Amino acid sequence: MTRVASFTALLTFVTACSAAVHLRRDVGTVEQDIANIASQVTALDNDINAFPDTGGSLLSALAIHAQATSLASALATAATDVAGTAPFSDDDGTTIINAVSGFEPAILDALTGIVAKKPAFDALPLGGLSALVASDLAILSADTKNFENALIANTQDDLLAQATPITSTIDAALATASAAYAT
């Protein structure tokens, strides 16, 4: 009986250690996640820009929703991966900041565009699409904040002065877009 209990304890310990090793992420994974986010942001921005100011279709509106959902998923995955990564070196932190700042204009354009297109969403024959956009914005805001918080937590103090304005600008644009759809 003692051998069985000892074997069970050893097996449990080895399994737990093995699982912990697999949860550790690296900077390469984070960089891939950021590249995926950049791709998702570009696709969302393109979908929003393609949506007409008048006469849009339900199909186009739902494509924007689907793209927002994909972006939210990419952000959530990236936040988890960043949280599972050791703090970034200065070089890695600089690379990550540059990557995020590279797609910041597309984020801002998408958010400005979604605000400008609110009357077009409101005019669609099927009601409730603005409420769907509001929901998407709430989810994207939460997932973006989780991703930002994870990045900031892993960024060296000397790089925070570069990272913080990016997060502040994106957060402000998300708040503006959310406010536009709150009414």
C-alpha atoms as a PDB file:
ATOM      1  CA  MET A   1       0.000   0.000   0.000  1.00  0.00           C
ATOM      2  CA  THR A   2       2.858   2.397   0.806  1.00  0.00           C
ATOM      3  CA  ARG A   3       4.462   1.735  -2.579  1.00  0.00           C
ATOM      4  CA  VAL A   4       1.188   2.492  -4.368  1.00  0.00           C
ATOM      5  CA  ALA A   5       0.783   5.754  -2.432  1.00  0.00           C
ATOM      6  CA  SER A   6       4.413   6.715  -3.110  1.00  0.00           C
ATOM      7  CA  PHE A   7       4.057   5.888  -6.800  1.00  0.00           C
ATOM      8  CA  THR A   8       0.821   7.879  -6.996  1.00  0.00           C
ATOM      9  CA  ALA A   9       2.458  10.868  -5.296  1.00  0.00           C
ATOM     10  CA  LEU A  10       5.460  10.652  -7.632  1.00  0.00           C
ATOM     11  CA  LEU A  11       3.228  10.364 -10.699  1.00  0.00           C
ATOM     12  CA  THR A  12       1.182  13.367  -9.564  1.00  0.00           C
ATOM     13  CA  PHE A  13       4.360  15.406  -9.008  1.00  0.00           C
ATOM     14  CA  VAL A  14       5.821  14.482 -12.418  1.00  0.00           C
ATOM     15  CA  THR A  15       2.527  15.280 -14.166  1.00  0.00           C
ATOM     16  CA  ALA A  16       2.279  18.660 -12.428  1.00  0.00           C
ATOM     17  CA  CYS A  17       5.872  19.535 -13.307  1.00  0.00           C
ATOM     18  CA  SER A  18       5.334  18.468 -16.899  1.00  0.00           C
ATOM     19  CA  ALA A  19       2.196  20.601 -17.166  1.00  0.00           C
ATOM     20  CA  ALA A  20       3.980  23.610 -15.668  1.00  0.00           C
ATOM     21  CA  VAL A  21       6.782  23.324 -18.219  1.00  0.00           C
ATOM     22  CA  HIS A  22       4.280  23.371 -21.093  1.00  0.00           C
ATOM     23  CA  LEU A  23       2.555  26.493 -19.762  1.00  0.00           C
ATOM     24  CA  ARG A  24       5.730  28.571 -20.083  1.00  0.00           C
ATOM     25  CA  ARG A  25       5.722  30.765 -23.166  1.00  0.00           C
ATOM     26  CA  ASP A  26       8.596  32.574 -24.819  1.00  0.00           C
ATOM     27  CA  VAL A  27       9.061  35.898 -26.539  1.00  0.00           C
ATOM     28  CA  GLY A  28       8.848  34.221 -29.954  1.00  0.00           C
ATOM     29  CA  THR A  29       5.318  33.074 -29.130  1.00  0.00           C
ATOM     30  CA  VAL A  30       4.405  36.593 -28.022  1.00  0.00           C
ATOM     31  CA  GLU A  31       5.823  38.033 -31.244  1.00  0.00           C
ATOM     32  CA  GLN A  32       3.731  35.542 -33.255  1.00  0.00           C
ATOM     33  CA  ASP A  33       0.675  36.542 -31.235  1.00  0.00           C
ATOM     34  CA  ILE A  34       1.345  40.210 -31.960  1.00  0.00           C
ATOM     35  CA  ALA A  35       1.733  39.463 -35.670  1.00  0.00           C
ATOM     36  CA  ASN A  36      -1.639  37.674 -35.535  1.00  0.00           C
ATOM     37  CA  ILE A  37      -3.213  40.646 -33.740  1.00  0.00           C
ATOM     38  CA  ALA A  38      -1.777  42.999 -36.365  1.00  0.00           C
ATOM     39  CA  SER A  39      -3.298  40.849 -39.095  1.00  0.00           C
ATOM     40  CA  GLN A  40      -6.672  40.762 -37.322  1.00  0.00           C
ATOM     41  CA  VAL A  41      -6.606  44.535 -36.760  1.00  0.00           C
ATOM     42  CA  THR A  42      -5.831  45.158 -40.444  1.00  0.00           C
ATOM     43  CA  ALA A  43      -8.672  42.867 -41.532  1.00  0.00           C
ATOM     44  CA  LEU A  44     -11.104  44.570 -39.138  1.00  0.00           C
ATOM     45  CA  ASP A  45     -10.001  48.018 -40.309  1.00  0.00           C
ATOM     46  CA  ASN A  46     -10.465  46.946 -43.937  1.00  0.00           C
ATOM     47  CA  ASP A  47     -13.953  45.566 -43.215  1.00  0.00           C
ATOM     48  CA  ILE A  48     -14.981  48.759 -41.426  1.00  0.00           C
ATOM     49  CA  ASN A  49     -13.594  50.955 -44.204  1.00  0.00           C
ATOM     50  CA  ALA A  50     -15.426  48.856 -46.811  1.00  0.00           C
ATOM     51  CA  PHE A  51     -18.747  49.241 -45.000  1.00  0.00           C
ATOM     52  CA  PRO A  52     -20.608  52.051 -46.794  1.00  0.00           C
ATOM     53  CA  ASP A  53     -21.826  55.179 -45.044  1.00  0.00           C
ATOM     54  CA  THR A  54     -25.313  54.376 -46.355  1.00  0.00           C
ATOM     55  CA  GLY A  55     -26.932  51.278 -47.755  1.00  0.00           C
ATOM     56  CA  GLY A  56     -24.737  48.732 -45.995  1.00  0.00           C
ATOM     57  CA  SER A  57     -25.763  45.104 -45.887  1.00  0.00           C
ATOM     58  CA  LEU A  58     -26.431  42.823 -42.969  1.00  0.00           C
ATOM     59  CA  LEU A  59     -23.816  40.452 -44.372  1.00  0.00           C
ATOM     60  CA  SER A  60     -21.146  43.172 -44.289  1.00  0.00           C
ATOM     61  CA  ALA A  61     -22.129  44.163 -40.759  1.00  0.00           C
ATOM     62  CA  LEU A  62     -21.884  40.555 -39.614  1.00  0.00           C
ATOM     63  CA  ALA A  63     -18.456  40.264 -41.282  1.00  0.00           C
ATOM     64  CA  ILE A  64     -17.295  43.145 -39.076  1.00  0.00           C
ATOM     65  CA  HIS A  65     -18.721  41.355 -36.036  1.00  0.00           C
ATOM     66  CA  ALA A  66     -16.960  38.111 -37.006  1.00  0.00           C
ATOM     67  CA  GLN A  67     -13.671  39.960 -37.464  1.00  0.00           C
ATOM     68  CA  ALA A  68     -14.073  41.709 -34.096  1.00  0.00           C
ATOM     69  CA  THR A  69     -14.657  38.302 -32.509  1.00  0.00           C
ATOM     70  CA  SER A  70     -11.496  36.936 -34.137  1.00  0.00           C
ATOM     71  CA  LEU A  71      -9.507  39.929 -32.886  1.00  0.00           C
ATOM     72  CA  ALA A  72     -10.872  39.468 -29.364  1.00  0.00           C
ATOM     73  CA  SER A  73      -9.789  35.832 -29.433  1.00  0.00           C
ATOM     74  CA  ALA A  74      -6.298  36.796 -30.641  1.00  0.00           C
ATOM     75  CA  LEU A  75      -6.002  39.386 -27.869  1.00  0.00           C
ATOM     76  CA  ALA A  76      -7.104  36.890 -25.211  1.00  0.00           C
ATOM     77  CA  THR A  77      -4.601  34.305 -26.431  1.00  0.00           C
ATOM     78  CA  ALA A  78      -1.826  36.878 -26.505  1.00  0.00           C
ATOM     79  CA  ALA A  79      -2.630  38.073 -22.977  1.00  0.00           C
ATOM     80  CA  THR A  80      -2.380  34.496 -21.715  1.00  0.00           C
ATOM     81  CA  ASP A  81       0.883  33.935 -23.565  1.00  0.00           C
ATOM     82  CA  VAL A  82       2.429  37.182 -22.317  1.00  0.00           C
ATOM     83  CA  ALA A  83       1.413  36.320 -18.743  1.00  0.00           C
ATOM     84  CA  GLY A  84       3.207  32.986 -19.154  1.00  0.00           C
ATOM     85  CA  THR A  85       6.414  34.634 -20.356  1.00  0.00           C
ATOM     86  CA  ALA A  86       9.314  35.824 -18.263  1.00  0.00           C
ATOM     87  CA  PRO A  87       9.843  39.602 -18.158  1.00  0.00           C
ATOM     88  CA  PHE A  88      11.104  40.913 -21.486  1.00  0.00           C
ATOM     89  CA  SER A  89      14.699  41.934 -21.963  1.00  0.00           C
ATOM     90  CA  ASP A  90      15.242  45.504 -23.149  1.00  0.00           C
ATOM     91  CA  ASP A  91      15.798  44.279 -26.714  1.00  0.00           C
ATOM     92  CA  ASP A  92      12.712  42.065 -26.688  1.00  0.00           C
ATOM     93  CA  GLY A  93      10.650  44.808 -25.061  1.00  0.00           C
ATOM     94  CA  THR A  94      11.738  47.282 -27.716  1.00  0.00           C
ATOM     95  CA  THR A  95      10.851  44.808 -30.476  1.00  0.00           C
ATOM     96  CA  ILE A  96       7.409  44.244 -28.958  1.00  0.00           C
ATOM     97  CA  ILE A  97       6.741  47.968 -28.463  1.00  0.00           C
ATOM     98  CA  ASN A  98       7.743  48.626 -32.082  1.00  0.00           C
ATOM     99  CA  ALA A  99       5.461  45.829 -33.307  1.00  0.00           C
ATOM    100  CA  VAL A 100       2.483  47.156 -31.363  1.00  0.00           C
ATOM    101  CA  SER A 101       3.138  50.747 -32.395  1.00  0.00           C
ATOM    102  CA  GLY A 102       3.295  49.501 -35.988  1.00  0.00           C
ATOM    103  CA  PHE A 103      -0.384  48.544 -36.011  1.00  0.00           C
ATOM    104  CA  GLU A 104      -1.595  51.296 -33.669  1.00  0.00           C
ATOM    105  CA  PRO A 105      -2.638  53.510 -36.627  1.00  0.00           C
ATOM    106  CA  ALA A 106      -4.872  50.719 -37.969  1.00  0.00           C
ATOM    107  CA  ILE A 107      -6.506  50.344 -34.554  1.00  0.00           C
ATOM    108  CA  LEU A 108      -7.168  54.065 -34.362  1.00  0.00           C
ATOM    109  CA  ASP A 109      -8.488  54.149 -37.924  1.00  0.00           C
ATOM    110  CA  ALA A 110     -10.820  51.211 -37.248  1.00  0.00           C
ATOM    111  CA  LEU A 111     -12.186  52.847 -34.109  1.00  0.00           C
ATOM    112  CA  THR A 112     -12.649  56.217 -35.827  1.00  0.00           C
ATOM    113  CA  GLY A 113     -14.346  54.415 -38.707  1.00  0.00           C
ATOM    114  CA  ILE A 114     -16.726  52.450 -36.517  1.00  0.00           C
ATOM    115  CA  VAL A 115     -17.834  55.685 -34.844  1.00  0.00           C
ATOM    116  CA  ALA A 116     -18.376  57.366 -38.222  1.00  0.00           C
ATOM    117  CA  LYS A 117     -20.385  54.364 -39.468  1.00  0.00           C
ATOM    118  CA  LYS A 118     -22.807  54.279 -36.531  1.00  0.00           C
ATOM    119  CA  PRO A 119     -25.612  55.943 -38.527  1.00  0.00           C
ATOM    120  CA  ALA A 120     -25.163  53.298 -41.228  1.00  0.00           C
ATOM    121  CA  PHE A 121     -25.477  50.508 -38.651  1.00  0.00           C
ATOM    122  CA  ASP A 122     -28.533  52.201 -37.135  1.00  0.00           C
ATOM    123  CA  ALA A 123     -30.137  52.439 -40.593  1.00  0.00           C
ATOM    124  CA  LEU A 124     -29.920  48.709 -41.337  1.00  0.00           C
ATOM    125  CA  PRO A 125     -33.364  47.099 -41.514  1.00  0.00           C
ATOM    126  CA  LEU A 126     -32.540  44.537 -38.842  1.00  0.00           C
ATOM    127  CA  GLY A 127     -32.381  46.416 -35.551  1.00  0.00           C
ATOM    128  CA  GLY A 128     -29.906  45.700 -32.822  1.00  0.00           C
ATOM    129  CA  LEU A 129     -26.723  45.860 -34.859  1.00  0.00           C
ATOM    130  CA  SER A 130     -25.493  48.910 -32.995  1.00  0.00           C
ATOM    131  CA  ALA A 131     -26.024  46.961 -29.778  1.00  0.00           C
ATOM    132  CA  LEU A 132     -23.930  44.151 -31.275  1.00  0.00           C
ATOM    133  CA  VAL A 133     -21.177  46.646 -32.117  1.00  0.00           C
ATOM    134  CA  ALA A 134     -21.389  48.009 -28.555  1.00  0.00           C
ATOM    135  CA  SER A 135     -20.988  44.482 -27.217  1.00  0.00           C
ATOM    136  CA  ASP A 136     -18.020  43.850 -29.518  1.00  0.00           C
ATOM    137  CA  LEU A 137     -16.401  47.083 -28.346  1.00  0.00           C
ATOM    138  CA  ALA A 138     -16.895  46.114 -24.691  1.00  0.00           C
ATOM    139  CA  ILE A 139     -15.285  42.722 -25.283  1.00  0.00           C
ATOM    140  CA  LEU A 140     -12.441  44.237 -27.309  1.00  0.00           C
ATOM    141  CA  SER A 141     -11.870  46.854 -24.594  1.00  0.00           C
ATOM    142  CA  ALA A 142     -11.605  44.200 -21.893  1.00  0.00           C
ATOM    143  CA  ASP A 143      -9.352  41.919 -23.958  1.00  0.00           C
ATOM    144  CA  THR A 144      -7.198  44.863 -25.018  1.00  0.00           C
ATOM    145  CA  LYS A 145      -6.798  45.986 -21.401  1.00  0.00           C
ATOM    146  CA  ASN A 146      -5.814  42.455 -20.326  1.00  0.00           C
ATOM    147  CA  PHE A 147      -3.247  42.293 -23.140  1.00  0.00           C
ATOM    148  CA  GLU A 148      -1.904  45.753 -22.311  1.00  0.00           C
ATOM    149  CA  ASN A 149      -1.652  44.939 -18.608  1.00  0.00           C
ATOM    150  CA  ALA A 150       0.264  41.745 -19.345  1.00  0.00           C
ATOM    151  CA  LEU A 151       2.641  43.596 -21.680  1.00  0.00           C
ATOM    152  CA  ILE A 152       3.227  46.401 -19.165  1.00  0.00           C
ATOM    153  CA  ALA A 153       3.858  43.872 -16.379  1.00  0.00           C
ATOM    154  CA  ASN A 154       6.583  42.207 -18.480  1.00  0.00           C
ATOM    155  CA  THR A 155       8.169  45.411 -19.772  1.00  0.00           C
ATOM    156  CA  GLN A 156      11.346  46.754 -18.190  1.00  0.00           C
ATOM    157  CA  ASP A 157      10.850  50.007 -16.287  1.00  0.00           C
ATOM    158  CA  ASP A 158      13.093  51.953 -18.654  1.00  0.00           C
ATOM    159  CA  LEU A 159      10.750  51.148 -21.569  1.00  0.00           C
ATOM    160  CA  LEU A 160       7.494  52.081 -19.871  1.00  0.00           C
ATOM    161  CA  ALA A 161       7.755  55.677 -21.093  1.00  0.00           C
ATOM    162  CA  GLN A 162       7.513  54.308 -24.658  1.00  0.00           C
ATOM    163  CA  ALA A 163       4.776  51.756 -23.928  1.00  0.00           C
ATOM    164  CA  THR A 164       2.406  53.798 -21.794  1.00  0.00           C
ATOM    165  CA  PRO A 165       1.471  56.430 -24.424  1.00  0.00           C
ATOM    166  CA  ILE A 166       0.530  53.655 -26.865  1.00  0.00           C
ATOM    167  CA  THR A 167      -1.805  52.012 -24.375  1.00  0.00           C
ATOM    168  CA  SER A 168      -3.267  55.370 -23.324  1.00  0.00           C
ATOM    169  CA  THR A 169      -4.004  56.364 -26.919  1.00  0.00           C
ATOM    170  CA  ILE A 170      -5.644  53.024 -27.747  1.00  0.00           C
ATOM    171  CA  ASP A 171      -7.661  53.055 -24.512  1.00  0.00           C
ATOM    172  CA  ALA A 172      -8.902  56.587 -25.232  1.00  0.00           C
ATOM    173  CA  ALA A 173      -9.975  55.603 -28.764  1.00  0.00           C
ATOM    174  CA  LEU A 174     -11.787  52.532 -27.424  1.00  0.00           C
ATOM    175  CA  ALA A 175     -13.540  54.685 -24.818  1.00  0.00           C
ATOM    176  CA  THR A 176     -14.635  57.163 -27.498  1.00  0.00           C
ATOM    177  CA  ALA A 177     -15.997  54.393 -29.716  1.00  0.00           C
ATOM    178  CA  SER A 178     -17.730  52.719 -26.780  1.00  0.00           C
ATOM    179  CA  ALA A 179     -19.326  56.008 -25.771  1.00  0.00           C
ATOM    180  CA  ALA A 180     -20.615  56.552 -29.312  1.00  0.00           C
ATOM    181  CA  TYR A 181     -22.427  53.207 -29.201  1.00  0.00           C
ATOM    182  CA  ALA A 182     -23.663  53.611 -25.636  1.00  0.00           C
ATOM    183  CA  THR A 183     -26.432  55.915 -26.825  1.00  0.00           C
END
